[in-house]
C-alpha atoms as a PDB file:
ATOM      1  CA  MET A   1     138.901  11.010 143.353  1.00  0.00           C
ATOM      2  CA  PHE A   2     136.760   9.382 140.688  1.00  0.00           C
ATOM      3  CA  HIS A   3     137.600   5.725 140.178  1.00  0.00           C
ATOM      4  CA  PHE A   4     136.446   3.545 137.287  1.00  0.00           C
ATOM      5  CA  LEU A   5     137.103  -0.189 137.625  1.00  0.00           C
ATOM      6  CA  TYR A   6     136.514  -2.599 134.768  1.00  0.00           C
ATOM      7  CA  ASP A   7     136.929  -6.380 134.848  1.00  0.00           C
ATOM      8  CA  ALA A   8     136.532  -8.539 131.752  1.00  0.00           C
ATOM      9  CA  TYR A   9     137.122 -12.117 130.686  1.00  0.00           C
ATOM     10  CA  ASN A  10     136.468 -14.377 127.703  1.00  0.00           C
ATOM     11  CA  GLY A  11     138.316 -11.874 125.512  1.00  0.00           C
ATOM     12  CA  TYR A  12     140.562 -12.297 122.472  1.00  0.00           C
ATOM     13  CA  ARG A  13     144.054 -13.509 123.320  1.00  0.00           C
ATOM     14  CA  SER A  14     145.591 -11.919 120.212  1.00  0.00           C
ATOM     15  CA  ARG A  15     144.440  -8.464 121.316  1.00  0.00           C
ATOM     16  CA  LEU A  16     145.533  -8.972 124.897  1.00  0.00           C
ATOM     17  CA  ASP A  17     149.035  -9.852 123.634  1.00  0.00           C
ATOM     18  CA  ASP A  18     149.281  -6.901 121.233  1.00  0.00           C
ATOM     19  CA  ILE A  19     151.887  -4.504 122.660  1.00  0.00           C
ATOM     20  CA  LEU A  20     151.282  -1.788 120.058  1.00  0.00           C
ATOM     21  CA  LEU A  21     147.532  -1.956 120.600  1.00  0.00           C
ATOM     22  CA  VAL A  22     147.954  -1.629 124.371  1.00  0.00           C
ATOM     23  CA  HIS A  23     150.276   1.365 123.924  1.00  0.00           C
ATOM     24  CA  GLU A  24     147.878   3.084 121.535  1.00  0.00           C
ATOM     25  CA  PHE A  25     144.957   2.384 123.867  1.00  0.00           C
ATOM     26  CA  LEU A  26     146.641   4.025 126.871  1.00  0.00           C
ATOM     27  CA  GLU A  27     147.790   6.931 124.738  1.00  0.00           C
ATOM     28  CA  GLU A  28     144.483   7.748 123.073  1.00  0.00           C
ATOM     29  CA  VAL A  29     141.807   7.025 125.690  1.00  0.00           C
ATOM     30  CA  PRO A  30     142.724   9.904 128.071  1.00  0.00           C
ATOM     31  CA  LEU A  31     142.834  12.309 125.108  1.00  0.00           C
ATOM     32  CA  LYS A  32     139.370  11.225 123.969  1.00  0.00           C
ATOM     33  CA  LEU A  33     138.067  11.748 127.500  1.00  0.00           C
ATOM     34  CA  GLY A  34     139.707  15.164 127.796  1.00  0.00           C
ATOM     35  CA  VAL A  35     141.932  14.030 130.684  1.00  0.00           C
ATOM     36  CA  LYS A  36     145.515  15.295 130.913  1.00  0.00           C
ATOM     37  CA  THR A  37     148.382  12.800 130.945  1.00  0.00           C
ATOM     38  CA  VAL A  38     151.809  13.646 132.377  1.00  0.00           C
ATOM     39  CA  MET A  39     153.949  10.949 130.743  1.00  0.00           C
ATOM     40  CA  PRO A  40     153.946   8.598 127.759  1.00  0.00           C
ATOM     41  CA  PRO A  41     152.452   5.140 128.377  1.00  0.00           C
ATOM     42  CA  PHE A  42     154.717   2.556 129.984  1.00  0.00           C
ATOM     43  CA  VAL A  43     154.128  -0.944 128.608  1.00  0.00           C
ATOM     44  CA  LEU A  44     155.682  -4.029 130.179  1.00  0.00           C
ATOM     45  CA  PRO A  45     155.345  -7.460 128.526  1.00  0.00           C
ATOM     46  CA  TYR A  46     155.421 -10.107 131.247  1.00  0.00           C
ATOM     47  CA  TYR A  47     156.033 -13.582 129.860  1.00  0.00           C
ATOM     48  CA  ASN A  48     158.576 -15.121 132.207  1.00  0.00           C
ATOM     49  CA  GLY A  49     156.423 -15.410 135.280  1.00  0.00           C
ATOM     50  CA  VAL A  50     156.550 -18.244 137.773  1.00  0.00           C
ATOM     51  CA  VAL A  51     152.865 -18.950 137.015  1.00  0.00           C
ATOM     52  CA  PRO A  52     152.439 -19.191 133.208  1.00  0.00           C
ATOM     53  CA  GLU A  53     148.765 -18.225 133.372  1.00  0.00           C
ATOM     54  CA  ASP A  54     149.712 -14.915 134.998  1.00  0.00           C
ATOM     55  CA  CYS A  55     151.567 -13.844 131.862  1.00  0.00           C
ATOM     56  CA  GLY A  56     150.409 -10.987 129.669  1.00  0.00           C
ATOM     57  CA  ILE A  57     150.963  -7.226 129.486  1.00  0.00           C
ATOM     58  CA  SER A  58     150.947  -4.671 132.275  1.00  0.00           C
ATOM     59  CA  ALA A  59     150.769  -1.014 131.291  1.00  0.00           C
ATOM     60  CA  PHE A  60     150.078   2.350 132.849  1.00  0.00           C
ATOM     61  CA  VAL A  61     150.111   6.066 132.262  1.00  0.00           C
ATOM     62  CA  PHE A  62     150.044   8.767 134.920  1.00  0.00           C
ATOM     63  CA  LEU A  63     147.168  11.207 134.677  1.00  0.00           C
ATOM     64  CA  ALA A  64     147.263  14.619 136.344  1.00  0.00           C
ATOM     65  CA  GLY A  65     146.683  13.516 139.929  1.00  0.00           C
ATOM     66  CA  GLY A  66     145.803   9.937 139.026  1.00  0.00           C
ATOM     67  CA  HIS A  67     146.554   6.905 136.879  1.00  0.00           C
ATOM     68  CA  PHE A  68     145.224   4.706 134.097  1.00  0.00           C
ATOM     69  CA  THR A  69     146.289   1.043 134.233  1.00  0.00           C
ATOM     70  CA  LEU A  70     145.659  -2.019 132.109  1.00  0.00           C
ATOM     71  CA  HIS A  71     146.601  -5.580 133.044  1.00  0.00           C
ATOM     72  CA  THR A  72     146.034  -8.338 130.502  1.00  0.00           C
ATOM     73  CA  PHE A  73     146.216 -12.043 131.305  1.00  0.00           C
ATOM     74  CA  SER A  74     146.204 -13.407 127.792  1.00  0.00           C
ATOM     75  CA  TYR A  75     146.358 -17.108 128.685  1.00  0.00           C
ATOM     76  CA  ARG A  76     143.252 -16.558 130.774  1.00  0.00           C
ATOM     77  CA  GLY A  77     141.504 -14.299 128.248  1.00  0.00           C
ATOM     78  CA  ALA A  78     141.084 -11.718 131.014  1.00  0.00           C
ATOM     79  CA  PHE A  79     141.971  -8.059 131.532  1.00  0.00           C
ATOM     80  CA  PHE A  80     141.473  -5.362 134.148  1.00  0.00           C
ATOM     81  CA  VAL A  81     141.321  -1.575 133.804  1.00  0.00           C
ATOM     82  CA  ASP A  82     141.587   1.161 136.439  1.00  0.00           C
ATOM     83  CA  PHE A  83     141.058   4.837 135.630  1.00  0.00           C
ATOM     84  CA  LEU A  84     141.591   7.079 138.673  1.00  0.00           C
ATOM     85  CA  CYS A  85     141.211  10.840 138.261  1.00  0.00           C
ATOM     86  CA  PRO A  86     140.638  13.807 140.624  1.00  0.00           C
ATOM     87  CA  ARG A  87     137.891  15.164 138.373  1.00  0.00           C
ATOM     88  CA  ASP A  88     134.757  13.625 136.925  1.00  0.00           C
ATOM     89  CA  PHE A  89     134.876  12.096 133.439  1.00  0.00           C
ATOM     90  CA  ASP A  90     132.496  10.348 131.049  1.00  0.00           C
ATOM     91  CA  GLN A  91     132.347   6.787 132.338  1.00  0.00           C
ATOM     92  CA  LYS A  92     129.982   5.627 129.588  1.00  0.00           C
ATOM     93  CA  ARG A  93     132.386   6.935 126.961  1.00  0.00           C
ATOM     94  CA  LEU A  94     135.259   5.128 128.690  1.00  0.00           C
ATOM     95  CA  HIS A  95     133.273   1.874 128.770  1.00  0.00           C
ATOM     96  CA  SER A  96     132.571   2.229 125.056  1.00  0.00           C
ATOM     97  CA  LEU A  97     136.234   2.897 124.238  1.00  0.00           C
ATOM     98  CA  ILE A  98     137.296  -0.230 126.131  1.00  0.00           C
ATOM     99  CA  ASP A  99     134.659  -2.382 124.422  1.00  0.00           C
ATOM    100  CA  ASN A 100     135.716  -1.165 121.005  1.00  0.00           C
ATOM    101  CA  VAL A 101     139.349  -2.181 121.509  1.00  0.00           C
ATOM    102  CA  PHE A 102     139.054  -5.182 123.830  1.00  0.00           C
ATOM    103  CA  PRO A 103     135.677  -6.883 123.362  1.00  0.00           C
ATOM    104  CA  ALA A 104     134.836  -9.562 125.914  1.00  0.00           C
ATOM    105  CA  GLU A 105     131.900 -11.801 126.738  1.00  0.00           C
ATOM    106  CA  LYS A 106     131.907 -11.283 130.511  1.00  0.00           C
ATOM    107  CA  LYS A 107     132.477  -7.855 132.074  1.00  0.00           C
ATOM    108  CA  PHE A 108     131.771  -5.950 135.248  1.00  0.00           C
ATOM    109  CA  GLN A 109     132.327  -2.268 135.917  1.00  0.00           C
ATOM    110  CA  ASN A 110     132.065   0.163 138.807  1.00  0.00           C
ATOM    111  CA  TYR A 111     132.423   3.938 139.065  1.00  0.00           C
ATOM    112  CA  VAL A 112     132.619   5.844 142.337  1.00  0.00           C
ATOM    113  CA  ASN A 113     133.653   9.157 143.830  1.00  0.00           C
ATOM    114  CA  ARG A 114     136.076   7.988 146.494  1.00  0.00           C
ATOM    115  CA  THR A 115     136.485  11.463 147.991  1.00  0.00           C
ATOM    116  CA  ALA A 116     132.757  11.602 148.708  1.00  0.00           C
ATOM    117  CA  GLY A 117     132.901   8.193 150.349  1.00  0.00           C
ATOM    118  CA  GLU A 118     130.766   6.422 147.761  1.00  0.00           C
ATOM    119  CA  GLN A 119     130.842   2.670 148.172  1.00  0.00           C
ATOM    120  CA  LEU A 120     131.861   0.276 145.431  1.00  0.00           C
ATOM    121  CA  VAL A 121     128.883  -1.863 144.480  1.00  0.00           C
ATOM    122  CA  ARG A 122     130.575  -5.234 144.335  1.00  0.00           C
ATOM    123  CA  PRO A 123     129.907  -8.628 145.865  1.00  0.00           C
ATOM    124  CA  ALA A 124     131.837  -9.689 148.933  1.00  0.00           C
ATOM    125  CA  MET A 125     135.308 -10.990 148.170  1.00  0.00           C
ATOM    126  CA  ASP A 126     135.362 -14.762 147.681  1.00  0.00           C
ATOM    127  CA  PRO A 127     138.803 -16.390 147.120  1.00  0.00           C
ATOM    128  CA  LYS A 128     137.085 -19.557 145.859  1.00  0.00           C
ATOM    129  CA  LYS A 129     135.301 -17.724 143.033  1.00  0.00           C
ATOM    130  CA  ASP A 130     136.970 -14.392 142.272  1.00  0.00           C
ATOM    131  CA  PHE A 131     140.155 -13.313 140.521  1.00  0.00           C
ATOM    132  CA  GLY A 132     141.790 -11.218 143.229  1.00  0.00           C
ATOM    133  CA  PRO A 133     141.457  -8.376 145.747  1.00  0.00           C
ATOM    134  CA  HIS A 134     141.846  -4.608 145.379  1.00  0.00           C
ATOM    135  CA  LEU A 135     142.709  -2.598 148.481  1.00  0.00           C
ATOM    136  CA  LEU A 136     141.960   1.154 148.555  1.00  0.00           C
ATOM    137  CA  PHE A 137     142.934   3.819 151.107  1.00  0.00           C
ATOM    138  CA  ASP A 138     141.904   7.488 151.107  1.00  0.00           C
ATOM    139  CA  ILE A 139     143.832   9.513 153.666  1.00  0.00           C
ATOM    140  CA  ASP A 140     143.368  13.013 155.110  1.00  0.00           C
ATOM    141  CA  ASP A 141     145.950  14.956 157.159  1.00  0.00           C
ATOM    142  CA  TYR A 142     148.555  12.894 155.378  1.00  0.00           C
ATOM    143  CA  ALA A 143     152.008  12.831 156.999  1.00  0.00           C
ATOM    144  CA  GLY A 144     153.675   9.938 155.195  1.00  0.00           C
ATOM    145  CA  PRO A 145     156.241   9.942 152.358  1.00  0.00           C
ATOM    146  CA  ASP A 146     155.533  12.942 150.110  1.00  0.00           C
ATOM    147  CA  THR A 147     158.725  13.618 148.141  1.00  0.00           C
ATOM    148  CA  MET A 148     159.813  11.858 144.960  1.00  0.00           C
ATOM    149  CA  ASP A 149     162.638  10.115 146.809  1.00  0.00           C
ATOM    150  CA  GLY A 150     160.435   9.229 149.755  1.00  0.00           C
ATOM    151  CA  ILE A 151     157.647   7.741 147.654  1.00  0.00           C
ATOM    152  CA  PHE A 152     160.155   5.840 145.514  1.00  0.00           C
ATOM    153  CA  ALA A 153     161.750   4.299 148.608  1.00  0.00           C
ATOM    154  CA  TYR A 154     158.366   3.389 150.122  1.00  0.00           C
ATOM    155  CA  LEU A 155     157.079   1.698 146.944  1.00  0.00           C
ATOM    156  CA  ASP A 156     160.442   0.019 146.396  1.00  0.00           C
ATOM    157  CA  ARG A 157     160.437  -1.817 149.719  1.00  0.00           C
ATOM    158  CA  LEU A 158     156.682  -2.385 150.127  1.00  0.00           C
ATOM    159  CA  PRO A 159     156.204  -5.387 147.764  1.00  0.00           C
ATOM    160  CA  SER A 160     158.572  -7.643 149.688  1.00  0.00           C
ATOM    161  CA  LYS A 161     156.983  -6.585 152.988  1.00  0.00           C
ATOM    162  CA  VAL A 162     153.517  -7.641 151.827  1.00  0.00           C
ATOM    163  CA  GLY A 163     154.612 -10.805 150.006  1.00  0.00           C
ATOM    164  CA  MET A 164     154.341  -9.425 146.456  1.00  0.00           C
ATOM    165  CA  THR A 165     156.784  -9.801 143.556  1.00  0.00           C
ATOM    166  CA  PRO A 166     158.186  -6.559 142.047  1.00  0.00           C
ATOM    167  CA  ILE A 167     158.832  -6.668 138.294  1.00  0.00           C
ATOM    168  CA  ILE A 168     160.040  -3.053 137.863  1.00  0.00           C
ATOM    169  CA  ARG A 169     161.467  -0.362 140.113  1.00  0.00           C
ATOM    170  CA  PRO A 170     158.887   2.324 141.013  1.00  0.00           C
ATOM    171  CA  TYR A 171     158.079   5.214 138.700  1.00  0.00           C
ATOM    172  CA  VAL A 172     157.538   8.550 140.461  1.00  0.00           C
ATOM    173  CA  VAL A 173     156.535  11.845 138.853  1.00  0.00           C
ATOM    174  CA  LYS A 174     155.808  15.329 140.126  1.00  0.00           C
ATOM    175  CA  ASN A 175     152.741  16.808 138.470  1.00  0.00           C
ATOM    176  CA  GLY A 176     149.842  19.058 139.297  1.00  0.00           C
ATOM    177  CA  PHE A 177     146.093  19.208 139.482  1.00  0.00           C
ATOM    178  CA  GLY A 178     144.629  22.695 139.475  1.00  0.00           C
ATOM    179  CA  ARG A 179     146.842  24.721 141.786  1.00  0.00           C
ATOM    180  CA  GLN A 180     147.973  21.700 143.768  1.00  0.00           C
ATOM    181  CA  GLU A 181     151.283  19.953 143.444  1.00  0.00           C
ATOM    182  CA  VAL A 182     150.873  16.192 143.243  1.00  0.00           C
ATOM    183  CA  VAL A 183     153.547  13.537 143.623  1.00  0.00           C
ATOM    184  CA  SER A 184     152.488  10.222 142.081  1.00  0.00           C
ATOM    185  CA  GLY A 185     154.221   6.868 142.313  1.00  0.00           C
ATOM    186  CA  LEU A 186     153.437   3.435 140.867  1.00  0.00           C
ATOM    187  CA  THR A 187     155.204   0.124 140.786  1.00  0.00           C
ATOM    188  CA  MET A 188     154.294  -2.960 138.799  1.00  0.00           C
ATOM    189  CA  ILE A 189     154.222  -6.272 140.619  1.00  0.00           C
ATOM    190  CA  ALA A 190     153.703  -9.750 139.198  1.00  0.00           C
ATOM    191  CA  GLU A 191     150.342  -9.631 140.944  1.00  0.00           C
ATOM    192  CA  SER A 192     149.338  -6.276 139.250  1.00  0.00           C
ATOM    193  CA  HIS A 193     150.225  -2.828 140.705  1.00  0.00           C
ATOM    194  CA  ILE A 194     150.671  -0.573 143.739  1.00  0.00           C
ATOM    195  CA  ALA A 195     150.077   3.186 143.431  1.00  0.00           C
ATOM    196  CA  LEU A 196     150.245   6.246 145.689  1.00  0.00           C
ATOM    197  CA  HIS A 197     149.192   9.838 144.919  1.00  0.00           C
ATOM    198  CA  VAL A 198     149.965  12.631 147.392  1.00  0.00           C
ATOM    199  CA  PHE A 199     148.322  16.070 147.144  1.00  0.00           C
ATOM    200  CA  LYS A 200     150.790  18.371 148.857  1.00  0.00           C
ATOM    201  CA  GLU A 201     148.674  21.434 149.714  1.00  0.00           C
ATOM    202  CA  SER A 202     145.519  19.654 150.899  1.00  0.00           C
ATOM    203  CA  ARG A 203     147.533  16.889 152.614  1.00  0.00           C
ATOM    204  CA  LYS A 204     145.413  14.162 151.058  1.00  0.00           C
ATOM    205  CA  ALA A 205     146.664  10.845 149.714  1.00  0.00           C
ATOM    206  CA  CYS A 206     145.188   8.037 147.662  1.00  0.00           C
ATOM    207  CA  PHE A 207     146.624   4.497 147.774  1.00  0.00           C
ATOM    208  CA  ASP A 208     145.789   1.407 145.702  1.00  0.00           C
ATOM    209  CA  LEU A 209     146.994  -2.176 145.725  1.00  0.00           C
ATOM    210  CA  PHE A 210     145.521  -4.528 143.131  1.00  0.00           C
ATOM    211  CA  SER A 211     146.574  -8.177 143.304  1.00  0.00           C
ATOM    212  CA  CYS A 212     145.654 -11.228 141.245  1.00  0.00           C
ATOM    213  CA  THR A 213     146.747 -13.286 144.264  1.00  0.00           C
ATOM    214  CA  PHE A 214     144.709 -13.351 147.459  1.00  0.00           C
ATOM    215  CA  PHE A 215     146.580 -12.120 150.512  1.00  0.00           C
ATOM    216  CA  ASP A 216     146.244 -11.889 154.283  1.00  0.00           C
ATOM    217  CA  THR A 217     143.599  -9.175 154.682  1.00  0.00           C
ATOM    218  CA  MET A 218     144.716  -8.387 158.225  1.00  0.00           C
ATOM    219  CA  LYS A 219     148.499  -8.376 157.833  1.00  0.00           C
ATOM    220  CA  VAL A 220     148.820  -6.585 154.472  1.00  0.00           C
ATOM    221  CA  PRO A 221     146.731  -3.460 155.303  1.00  0.00           C
ATOM    222  CA  ARG A 222     148.505  -3.176 158.646  1.00  0.00           C
ATOM    223  CA  GLU A 223     151.923  -3.276 156.968  1.00  0.00           C
ATOM    224  CA  ILE A 224     150.905  -0.698 154.347  1.00  0.00           C
ATOM    225  CA  LYS A 225     149.657   1.784 156.939  1.00  0.00           C
ATOM    226  CA  LYS A 226     152.847   1.701 159.011  1.00  0.00           C
ATOM    227  CA  GLU A 227     154.298   4.503 156.859  1.00  0.00           C
ATOM    228  CA  LEU A 228     151.135   6.036 155.428  1.00  0.00           C
ATOM    229  CA  LYS A 229     150.698   8.307 158.408  1.00  0.00           C
ATOM    230  CA  GLY A 230     147.464  10.272 158.599  1.00  0.00           C
ATOM    231  CA  ARG A 231     143.738   9.774 159.071  1.00  0.00           C
ATOM    232  CA  VAL A 232     142.352   6.963 156.933  1.00  0.00           C
ATOM    233  CA  VAL A 233     138.892   8.223 155.982  1.00  0.00           C
ATOM    234  CA  HIS A 234     138.027   5.352 153.655  1.00  0.00           C
ATOM    235  CA  GLU A 235     139.437   1.834 153.597  1.00  0.00           C
ATOM    236  CA  THR A 236     137.917  -0.540 151.060  1.00  0.00           C
ATOM    237  CA  LEU A 237     138.693  -4.101 150.077  1.00  0.00           C
ATOM    238  CA  VAL A 238     136.810  -5.334 147.026  1.00  0.00           C
ATOM    239  CA  SER A 239     136.890  -8.296 144.695  1.00  0.00           C
ATOM    240  CA  ARG A 240     138.073  -8.079 141.097  1.00  0.00           C
ATOM    241  CA  GLY A 241     136.879 -10.530 138.466  1.00  0.00           C
ATOM    242  CA  SER A 242     133.789 -11.636 140.379  1.00  0.00           C
ATOM    243  CA  LYS A 243     132.939 -15.298 139.618  1.00  0.00           C
ATOM    244  CA  TYR A 244     136.051 -15.505 137.430  1.00  0.00           C
ATOM    245  CA  LYS A 245     136.705 -19.101 138.442  1.00  0.00           C
ATOM    246  CA  LYS A 246     133.250 -20.035 137.140  1.00  0.00           C
ATOM    247  CA  TYR A 247     133.247 -18.055 133.884  1.00  0.00           C
ATOM    248  CA  GLY A 248     136.941 -17.456 133.154  1.00  0.00           C
ATOM    249  CA  GLU A 249     139.221 -19.482 130.936  1.00  0.00           C
ATOM    250  CA  THR A 250     142.407 -21.430 131.619  1.00  0.00           C
ATOM    251  CA  ALA A 251     145.416 -21.945 129.384  1.00  0.00           C
ATOM    252  CA  ALA A 252     144.222 -25.516 128.783  1.00  0.00           C
ATOM    253  CA  GLN A 253     140.864 -24.231 127.551  1.00  0.00           C
ATOM    254  CA  LYS A 254     142.587 -21.764 125.214  1.00  0.00           C
ATOM    255  CA  VAL A 255     144.636 -24.622 123.755  1.00  0.00           C
ATOM    256  CA  LYS A 256     141.496 -26.734 123.363  1.00  0.00           C
ATOM    257  CA  PHE A 257     139.739 -23.933 121.457  1.00  0.00           C
ATOM    258  CA  SER A 258     142.713 -23.371 119.168  1.00  0.00           C
ATOM    259  CA  ARG A 259     142.865 -27.083 118.277  1.00  0.00           C
ATOM    260  CA  ALA A 260     139.154 -27.655 117.838  1.00  0.00           C
ATOM    261  CA  TRP A 261     139.610 -27.741 114.068  1.00  0.00           C
ATOM    262  CA  LEU A 262     141.470 -31.061 114.342  1.00  0.00           C
ATOM    263  CA  ASP A 263     138.211 -32.862 115.045  1.00  0.00           C
ATOM    264  CA  ASN A 264     136.918 -31.762 111.661  1.00  0.00           C
ATOM    265  CA  VAL A 265     139.889 -32.773 109.532  1.00  0.00           C
ATOM    266  CA  SER A 266     138.993 -35.508 107.078  1.00  0.00           C
ATOM    267  CA  SER A 267     140.885 -38.760 107.569  1.00  0.00           C
ATOM    268  CA  GLY A 268     140.022 -39.895 104.076  1.00  0.00           C
ATOM    269  CA  ARG A 269     136.733 -41.486 105.100  1.00  0.00           C
ATOM    270  CA  ASN A 270     133.312 -39.955 105.381  1.00  0.00           C
ATOM    271  CA  LYS A 271     132.404 -40.214 109.062  1.00  0.00           C
ATOM    272  CA  ASP A 272     128.831 -39.185 108.348  1.00  0.00           C
END
């Protein structure tokens, strides 16, 4: 599984709030990369959150055997992209496509072959500096939920068990990669997303949990693995938005920028 992760901040709020732009982005990028999609994009505006600065747009599209997700946090000027695919793709082209649509001052990317056990080159997770954690499992000899109903039920009950906030019911599709049948499921949470892909013939599974909220790194993985039976060959916990709290923006800063013009309005006297 080839996984491209892209974190960016100091972007344009108007673009990060543009529902049509987000939809078009998820629709066209896989086509330009020559990657097959198995559904139309799903776009979810999220503007009634408990934490106002967590508001923005969450969107995803299932790829054949993988997924492509985008989470924007418009009040923060930040966004995060994941592109997970069973076959190799042009990561430089993907980076360019993202930059063209969502330019940002600060960005960090990573690209790895998870199946081969390549390690993500990222700094150690630091709750005092970073945006949030991303937990990855790659499983062989998989014996957990593998039907559409089973994966739906697992993803439906998992958020509450790990202290996350579901904002939709899970989406589950049956698709294929090569000659393999794949069952893919994804649910959006207020914190970002949880996804599971099961390859029926090879008995392999790929699990992701991305959260903008830091969680108990002992309890959460243990709870997840209770039903993901099999041999975990790779377990990775990485930071997203490294040094975000140093370089990122707050809602107050966005307001300050938007009102900067007031300081230059003439009051009828020449201040110079």
